[in-house]
Amino acid sequence: MRQRRLKHEINVVPYIDVMLVLLIIFMVTAPLVPPASIDLPAVAKASTPPAEPLEILVKADGSLAIKDKFLGGAEVSIGRHELHERVASLLANNPEQPVLIAGDRHVKYEAVLAVMDQLQRANVKKIGLLVQQKSERR
């Protein structure tokens, strides 16, 4: 007489049956559930849009200019000694206004850093560097 060997297998048929029953239940009840709607709170005043950044241009010869948005984007030349006062007066109304430094590619790195240092001394909180995207060549 031969001995029977035990099979070590999991019978998954009952699990598949339960899964199919649950699937049918969810398919039947899903259209009956109303979609959630969010009731947003109302405020008297919405947040203001972010301020347009102030641009400081460092030209190839090392001279400085400020792009004035009130003059239609015209460039106003300034000296290095008056940068601190001009920026402080422009940022008096909005101290959170960002300032972008646009340095010419042929200007020395030291000149851009000197402008950044003067802006930090003028307590400008947001300073960035303006760059141009490289065009992809194939």
N, C-alpha and C. Protein backbone atom coordinates (compact mmCIF):
# COMPACT_ATOMS: atom_id res chain seq x y z
N MET A 1 0.81 -1.17 0.00
CA MET A 1 0.00 0.00 0.00
C MET A 1 0.88 1.26 0.00
N ARG A 2 0.51 2.16 -0.88
CA ARG A 2 1.27 3.40 -1.02
C ARG A 2 0.75 4.47 -0.07
N GLN A 3 1.68 5.24 0.46
CA GLN A 3 1.25 6.35 1.33
C GLN A 3 0.90 7.56 0.48
N ARG A 4 -0.10 8.26 0.96
CA ARG A 4 -0.51 9.49 0.25
C ARG A 4 0.39 10.64 0.64
N ARG A 5 0.75 11.39 -0.34
CA ARG A 5 1.55 12.58 -0.07
C ARG A 5 0.63 13.77 0.16
N LEU A 6 1.05 14.63 1.06
CA LEU A 6 0.27 15.85 1.31
C LEU A 6 0.60 16.89 0.26
N LYS A 7 -0.42 17.58 -0.20
CA LYS A 7 -0.20 18.66 -1.15
C LYS A 7 -0.17 19.98 -0.38
N HIS A 8 0.84 20.74 -0.63
CA HIS A 8 0.98 22.04 0.02
C HIS A 8 0.60 23.13 -0.98
N GLU A 9 -0.65 23.27 -1.24
CA GLU A 9 -1.14 24.28 -2.17
C GLU A 9 -2.24 25.06 -1.51
N ILE A 10 -2.39 26.29 -1.92
CA ILE A 10 -3.48 27.13 -1.42
C ILE A 10 -4.57 27.11 -2.47
N ASN A 11 -5.74 26.85 -2.03
CA ASN A 11 -6.89 26.86 -2.92
C ASN A 11 -7.40 28.30 -3.01
N VAL A 12 -7.25 28.94 -4.16
CA VAL A 12 -7.62 30.34 -4.32
C VAL A 12 -9.02 30.54 -4.87
N VAL A 13 -9.73 29.49 -5.16
CA VAL A 13 -11.07 29.61 -5.73
C VAL A 13 -12.02 30.35 -4.78
N PRO A 14 -12.04 30.06 -3.49
CA PRO A 14 -12.94 30.83 -2.61
C PRO A 14 -12.59 32.32 -2.56
N TYR A 15 -11.29 32.65 -2.63
CA TYR A 15 -10.90 34.06 -2.61
C TYR A 15 -11.37 34.78 -3.87
N ILE A 16 -11.31 34.11 -4.99
CA ILE A 16 -11.79 34.71 -6.24
C ILE A 16 -13.29 34.92 -6.18
N ASP A 17 -14.02 33.99 -5.61
CA ASP A 17 -15.47 34.14 -5.47
C ASP A 17 -15.81 35.35 -4.61
N VAL A 18 -15.13 35.50 -3.50
CA VAL A 18 -15.39 36.63 -2.61
C VAL A 18 -15.05 37.94 -3.31
N MET A 19 -13.94 37.96 -4.05
CA MET A 19 -13.55 39.16 -4.77
C MET A 19 -14.58 39.55 -5.82
N LEU A 20 -15.13 38.58 -6.55
CA LEU A 20 -16.14 38.88 -7.56
C LEU A 20 -17.43 39.40 -6.93
N VAL A 21 -17.81 38.86 -5.79
CA VAL A 21 -19.01 39.35 -5.10
C VAL A 21 -18.80 40.78 -4.64
N LEU A 22 -17.63 41.09 -4.09
CA LEU A 22 -17.34 42.47 -3.67
C LEU A 22 -17.32 43.43 -4.87
N LEU A 23 -16.79 42.98 -5.98
CA LEU A 23 -16.76 43.81 -7.18
C LEU A 23 -18.16 44.14 -7.64
N ILE A 24 -19.04 43.16 -7.63
CA ILE A 24 -20.44 43.40 -8.04
C ILE A 24 -21.11 44.36 -7.08
N ILE A 25 -20.87 44.21 -5.79
CA ILE A 25 -21.47 45.12 -4.80
C ILE A 25 -21.00 46.55 -5.04
N PHE A 26 -19.70 46.74 -5.26
CA PHE A 26 -19.19 48.09 -5.50
C PHE A 26 -19.71 48.67 -6.81
N MET A 27 -19.85 47.87 -7.83
CA MET A 27 -20.36 48.37 -9.11
C MET A 27 -21.82 48.79 -9.00
N VAL A 28 -22.59 48.11 -8.18
CA VAL A 28 -24.00 48.46 -8.02
C VAL A 28 -24.16 49.70 -7.15
N THR A 29 -23.36 49.82 -6.09
CA THR A 29 -23.53 50.94 -5.15
C THR A 29 -22.81 52.22 -5.58
N ALA A 30 -21.83 52.15 -6.46
CA ALA A 30 -21.07 53.34 -6.86
C ALA A 30 -21.94 54.41 -7.50
N PRO A 31 -22.86 54.11 -8.40
CA PRO A 31 -23.67 55.18 -8.97
C PRO A 31 -24.66 55.79 -7.97
N LEU A 32 -24.96 55.11 -6.89
CA LEU A 32 -25.91 55.62 -5.91
C LEU A 32 -25.29 56.62 -4.95
N VAL A 33 -23.97 56.62 -4.82
CA VAL A 33 -23.29 57.53 -3.90
C VAL A 33 -23.14 58.89 -4.58
N PRO A 34 -23.62 59.96 -3.94
CA PRO A 34 -23.49 61.29 -4.57
C PRO A 34 -22.02 61.74 -4.55
N PRO A 35 -21.59 62.46 -5.59
CA PRO A 35 -20.20 62.94 -5.59
C PRO A 35 -20.00 63.97 -4.49
N ALA A 36 -18.82 63.98 -3.93
CA ALA A 36 -18.53 64.91 -2.84
C ALA A 36 -18.39 66.33 -3.38
N SER A 37 -18.97 67.26 -2.66
CA SER A 37 -18.82 68.66 -3.02
C SER A 37 -18.17 69.38 -1.86
N ILE A 38 -17.29 70.29 -2.17
CA ILE A 38 -16.54 71.01 -1.15
C ILE A 38 -17.15 72.39 -1.02
N ASP A 39 -17.53 72.73 0.18
CA ASP A 39 -18.09 74.05 0.47
C ASP A 39 -16.95 74.93 0.96
N LEU A 40 -16.41 75.78 0.05
CA LEU A 40 -15.25 76.61 0.38
C LEU A 40 -15.66 77.80 1.23
N PRO A 41 -14.79 78.20 2.16
CA PRO A 41 -15.11 79.39 2.96
C PRO A 41 -14.94 80.65 2.13
N ALA A 42 -15.68 81.69 2.49
CA ALA A 42 -15.61 82.96 1.77
C ALA A 42 -14.74 83.93 2.56
N VAL A 43 -13.98 84.74 1.84
CA VAL A 43 -13.15 85.76 2.48
C VAL A 43 -13.52 87.11 1.90
N ALA A 44 -13.26 88.14 2.66
CA ALA A 44 -13.59 89.49 2.20
C ALA A 44 -12.66 89.96 1.10
N LYS A 45 -11.38 89.57 1.21
CA LYS A 45 -10.41 90.01 0.22
C LYS A 45 -9.50 88.84 -0.14
N ALA A 46 -9.36 88.59 -1.42
CA ALA A 46 -8.48 87.50 -1.86
C ALA A 46 -7.03 87.96 -1.79
N SER A 47 -6.13 87.01 -1.78
CA SER A 47 -4.71 87.37 -1.71
C SER A 47 -4.30 88.08 -3.00
N THR A 48 -3.37 88.99 -2.85
CA THR A 48 -2.92 89.77 -4.00
C THR A 48 -1.98 88.94 -4.86
N PRO A 49 -1.99 89.15 -6.16
CA PRO A 49 -1.07 88.40 -7.02
C PRO A 49 0.37 88.83 -6.72
N PRO A 50 1.33 87.97 -7.01
CA PRO A 50 2.71 88.32 -6.71
C PRO A 50 3.16 89.53 -7.52
N ALA A 51 4.03 90.32 -6.91
CA ALA A 51 4.52 91.53 -7.57
C ALA A 51 5.47 91.19 -8.70
N GLU A 52 5.44 92.03 -9.71
CA GLU A 52 6.34 91.85 -10.85
C GLU A 52 7.76 92.18 -10.39
N PRO A 53 8.74 91.36 -10.74
CA PRO A 53 10.09 91.61 -10.21
C PRO A 53 10.74 92.85 -10.80
N LEU A 54 11.60 93.45 -10.01
CA LEU A 54 12.40 94.59 -10.43
C LEU A 54 13.67 94.04 -11.07
N GLU A 55 14.02 94.53 -12.26
CA GLU A 55 15.19 94.01 -12.97
C GLU A 55 16.33 95.01 -12.93
N ILE A 56 17.50 94.53 -12.52
CA ILE A 56 18.71 95.34 -12.55
C ILE A 56 19.64 94.73 -13.60
N LEU A 57 20.03 95.55 -14.57
CA LEU A 57 20.86 95.08 -15.68
C LEU A 57 22.31 95.47 -15.44
N VAL A 58 23.20 94.51 -15.55
CA VAL A 58 24.64 94.76 -15.49
C VAL A 58 25.16 94.58 -16.91
N LYS A 59 25.52 95.69 -17.52
CA LYS A 59 25.92 95.66 -18.94
C LYS A 59 27.37 95.20 -19.09
N ALA A 60 27.78 94.96 -20.34
CA ALA A 60 29.11 94.41 -20.62
C ALA A 60 30.22 95.35 -20.16
N ASP A 61 29.98 96.65 -20.20
CA ASP A 61 31.00 97.60 -19.76
C ASP A 61 30.99 97.82 -18.24
N GLY A 62 30.08 97.14 -17.53
CA GLY A 62 30.02 97.23 -16.07
C GLY A 62 29.04 98.26 -15.56
N SER A 63 28.39 99.02 -16.47
CA SER A 63 27.41 100.01 -16.02
C SER A 63 26.11 99.33 -15.62
N LEU A 64 25.33 100.02 -14.81
CA LEU A 64 24.08 99.47 -14.30
C LEU A 64 22.88 100.22 -14.86
N ALA A 65 21.76 99.52 -14.96
CA ALA A 65 20.50 100.11 -15.38
C ALA A 65 19.38 99.36 -14.67
N ILE A 66 18.28 100.07 -14.44
CA ILE A 66 17.09 99.46 -13.85
C ILE A 66 15.98 99.52 -14.88
N LYS A 67 15.31 98.39 -15.09
CA LYS A 67 14.16 98.35 -15.99
C LYS A 67 12.96 98.86 -15.21
N ASP A 68 12.44 100.02 -15.61
CA ASP A 68 11.33 100.64 -14.89
C ASP A 68 10.02 100.24 -15.55
N LYS A 69 9.20 99.47 -14.84
CA LYS A 69 7.93 99.01 -15.40
C LYS A 69 6.92 100.14 -15.53
N PHE A 70 7.10 101.22 -14.76
CA PHE A 70 6.18 102.34 -14.84
C PHE A 70 6.42 103.20 -16.08
N LEU A 71 7.61 103.08 -16.66
CA LEU A 71 7.92 103.81 -17.89
C LEU A 71 7.81 102.90 -19.11
N GLY A 72 7.04 101.84 -19.00
CA GLY A 72 6.85 100.94 -20.13
C GLY A 72 8.03 100.02 -20.36
N GLY A 73 8.79 99.71 -19.34
CA GLY A 73 9.93 98.81 -19.48
C GLY A 73 11.19 99.50 -19.95
N ALA A 74 11.24 100.83 -19.84
CA ALA A 74 12.42 101.57 -20.26
C ALA A 74 13.56 101.36 -19.27
N GLU A 75 14.79 101.40 -19.79
CA GLU A 75 15.97 101.22 -18.94
C GLU A 75 16.43 102.59 -18.45
N VAL A 76 16.60 102.71 -17.14
CA VAL A 76 17.09 103.94 -16.52
C VAL A 76 18.48 103.66 -16.00
N SER A 77 19.48 104.37 -16.55
CA SER A 77 20.87 104.16 -16.13
C SER A 77 21.09 104.75 -14.75
N ILE A 78 21.82 104.01 -13.92
CA ILE A 78 22.16 104.48 -12.58
C ILE A 78 23.62 104.16 -12.31
N GLY A 79 24.18 104.85 -11.34
CA GLY A 79 25.55 104.58 -10.92
C GLY A 79 25.57 103.57 -9.79
N ARG A 80 26.73 103.00 -9.55
CA ARG A 80 26.83 102.00 -8.47
C ARG A 80 26.57 102.61 -7.10
N HIS A 81 26.95 103.87 -6.92
CA HIS A 81 26.78 104.51 -5.62
C HIS A 81 25.31 104.82 -5.31
N GLU A 82 24.48 104.97 -6.32
CA GLU A 82 23.06 105.29 -6.07
C GLU A 82 22.14 104.06 -6.17
N LEU A 83 22.71 102.88 -6.36
CA LEU A 83 21.89 101.66 -6.45
C LEU A 83 21.14 101.40 -5.15
N HIS A 84 21.82 101.54 -4.03
CA HIS A 84 21.22 101.26 -2.73
C HIS A 84 19.99 102.15 -2.49
N GLU A 85 20.13 103.46 -2.73
CA GLU A 85 19.02 104.38 -2.47
C GLU A 85 17.86 104.16 -3.44
N ARG A 86 18.18 103.91 -4.72
CA ARG A 86 17.13 103.73 -5.73
C ARG A 86 16.32 102.47 -5.45
N VAL A 87 17.00 101.38 -5.12
CA VAL A 87 16.31 100.12 -4.84
C VAL A 87 15.49 100.25 -3.57
N ALA A 88 16.04 100.91 -2.55
CA ALA A 88 15.30 101.10 -1.30
C ALA A 88 14.04 101.91 -1.53
N SER A 89 14.11 102.93 -2.39
CA SER A 89 12.91 103.75 -2.65
C SER A 89 11.88 102.98 -3.48
N LEU A 90 12.34 102.14 -4.41
CA LEU A 90 11.40 101.36 -5.22
C LEU A 90 10.73 100.25 -4.42
N LEU A 91 11.43 99.72 -3.41
CA LEU A 91 10.88 98.64 -2.61
C LEU A 91 10.23 99.12 -1.32
N ALA A 92 10.07 100.44 -1.16
CA ALA A 92 9.47 100.97 0.06
C ALA A 92 8.01 100.53 0.20
N ASN A 93 7.27 100.49 -0.91
CA ASN A 93 5.86 100.10 -0.86
C ASN A 93 5.68 98.60 -0.68
N ASN A 94 6.57 97.80 -1.29
CA ASN A 94 6.44 96.35 -1.24
C ASN A 94 7.82 95.74 -0.95
N PRO A 95 8.15 95.52 0.33
CA PRO A 95 9.47 94.98 0.64
C PRO A 95 9.64 93.52 0.22
N GLU A 96 8.56 92.83 -0.10
CA GLU A 96 8.64 91.43 -0.54
C GLU A 96 8.82 91.29 -2.06
N GLN A 97 8.91 92.42 -2.78
CA GLN A 97 9.06 92.37 -4.24
C GLN A 97 10.41 91.75 -4.59
N PRO A 98 10.42 90.76 -5.49
CA PRO A 98 11.70 90.15 -5.87
C PRO A 98 12.51 91.07 -6.80
N VAL A 99 13.82 90.91 -6.73
CA VAL A 99 14.73 91.68 -7.58
C VAL A 99 15.55 90.67 -8.39
N LEU A 100 15.57 90.87 -9.71
CA LEU A 100 16.34 90.00 -10.59
C LEU A 100 17.55 90.75 -11.13
N ILE A 101 18.68 90.08 -11.15
CA ILE A 101 19.90 90.66 -11.70
C ILE A 101 20.15 89.99 -13.05
N ALA A 102 20.20 90.81 -14.10
CA ALA A 102 20.47 90.31 -15.45
C ALA A 102 21.87 90.77 -15.84
N GLY A 103 22.82 89.86 -15.76
CA GLY A 103 24.20 90.19 -16.10
C GLY A 103 24.53 89.78 -17.53
N ASP A 104 25.21 90.65 -18.24
CA ASP A 104 25.65 90.33 -19.60
C ASP A 104 26.63 89.17 -19.53
N ARG A 105 26.65 88.34 -20.55
CA ARG A 105 27.52 87.15 -20.51
C ARG A 105 28.99 87.52 -20.56
N HIS A 106 29.32 88.74 -20.99
CA HIS A 106 30.72 89.14 -21.09
C HIS A 106 31.17 89.97 -19.88
N VAL A 107 30.29 90.22 -18.93
CA VAL A 107 30.67 90.98 -17.74
C VAL A 107 31.36 90.05 -16.75
N LYS A 108 32.25 90.60 -15.94
CA LYS A 108 32.96 89.78 -14.97
C LYS A 108 32.00 89.34 -13.87
N TYR A 109 32.25 88.16 -13.37
CA TYR A 109 31.44 87.58 -12.30
C TYR A 109 31.47 88.45 -11.05
N GLU A 110 32.58 89.10 -10.84
CA GLU A 110 32.76 89.96 -9.67
C GLU A 110 31.78 91.14 -9.69
N ALA A 111 31.47 91.67 -10.87
CA ALA A 111 30.55 92.80 -10.97
C ALA A 111 29.14 92.39 -10.57
N VAL A 112 28.73 91.20 -10.97
CA VAL A 112 27.40 90.71 -10.61
C VAL A 112 27.33 90.46 -9.11
N LEU A 113 28.39 89.91 -8.53
CA LEU A 113 28.42 89.67 -7.09
C LEU A 113 28.42 90.97 -6.30
N ALA A 114 29.06 92.00 -6.83
CA ALA A 114 29.05 93.30 -6.15
C ALA A 114 27.64 93.88 -6.12
N VAL A 115 26.90 93.73 -7.20
CA VAL A 115 25.51 94.20 -7.22
C VAL A 115 24.66 93.39 -6.24
N MET A 116 24.88 92.08 -6.21
CA MET A 116 24.14 91.24 -5.28
C MET A 116 24.45 91.62 -3.83
N ASP A 117 25.70 91.96 -3.55
CA ASP A 117 26.09 92.37 -2.21
C ASP A 117 25.40 93.69 -1.83
N GLN A 118 25.35 94.63 -2.76
CA GLN A 118 24.68 95.91 -2.48
C GLN A 118 23.19 95.70 -2.23
N LEU A 119 22.58 94.77 -2.96
CA LEU A 119 21.15 94.50 -2.75
C LEU A 119 20.92 93.87 -1.38
N GLN A 120 21.81 93.00 -0.96
CA GLN A 120 21.67 92.40 0.36
C GLN A 120 21.84 93.44 1.46
N ARG A 121 22.71 94.39 1.24
CA ARG A 121 22.87 95.48 2.21
C ARG A 121 21.65 96.39 2.25
N ALA A 122 20.91 96.45 1.15
CA ALA A 122 19.68 97.25 1.09
C ALA A 122 18.49 96.48 1.65
N ASN A 123 18.75 95.31 2.26
CA ASN A 123 17.72 94.46 2.89
C ASN A 123 16.69 93.94 1.90
N VAL A 124 17.13 93.61 0.69
CA VAL A 124 16.26 92.97 -0.28
C VAL A 124 16.15 91.50 0.10
N LYS A 125 14.91 91.01 0.24
CA LYS A 125 14.70 89.65 0.73
C LYS A 125 14.78 88.59 -0.36
N LYS A 126 14.35 88.94 -1.58
CA LYS A 126 14.32 87.96 -2.67
C LYS A 126 15.17 88.46 -3.83
N ILE A 127 16.31 87.81 -4.01
CA ILE A 127 17.24 88.18 -5.09
C ILE A 127 17.42 86.96 -5.99
N GLY A 128 17.32 87.19 -7.29
CA GLY A 128 17.50 86.09 -8.24
C GLY A 128 18.36 86.52 -9.40
N LEU A 129 18.83 85.55 -10.16
CA LEU A 129 19.62 85.82 -11.37
C LEU A 129 18.78 85.48 -12.59
N LEU A 130 18.73 86.39 -13.53
CA LEU A 130 17.96 86.20 -14.75
C LEU A 130 18.85 85.52 -15.78
N VAL A 131 18.35 84.43 -16.35
CA VAL A 131 19.12 83.69 -17.35
C VAL A 131 18.29 83.53 -18.61
N GLN A 132 18.96 83.13 -19.68
CA GLN A 132 18.30 82.90 -20.94
C GLN A 132 18.40 81.41 -21.28
N GLN A 133 17.32 80.83 -21.75
CA GLN A 133 17.31 79.41 -22.12
C GLN A 133 18.22 79.19 -23.32
N LYS A 134 18.96 78.09 -23.30
CA LYS A 134 19.77 77.75 -24.46
C LYS A 134 18.86 77.17 -25.52
N SER A 135 19.08 77.56 -26.77
CA SER A 135 18.31 76.97 -27.85
C SER A 135 18.95 75.65 -28.22
N GLU A 136 18.12 74.63 -28.39
CA GLU A 136 18.65 73.31 -28.70
C GLU A 136 19.06 73.24 -30.17
N ARG A 137 20.29 72.83 -30.39
CA ARG A 137 20.79 72.70 -31.77
C ARG A 137 20.89 71.23 -32.11
N ARG A 138 20.53 70.88 -33.29
CA ARG A 138 20.59 69.48 -33.72
C ARG A 138 21.58 69.31 -34.82
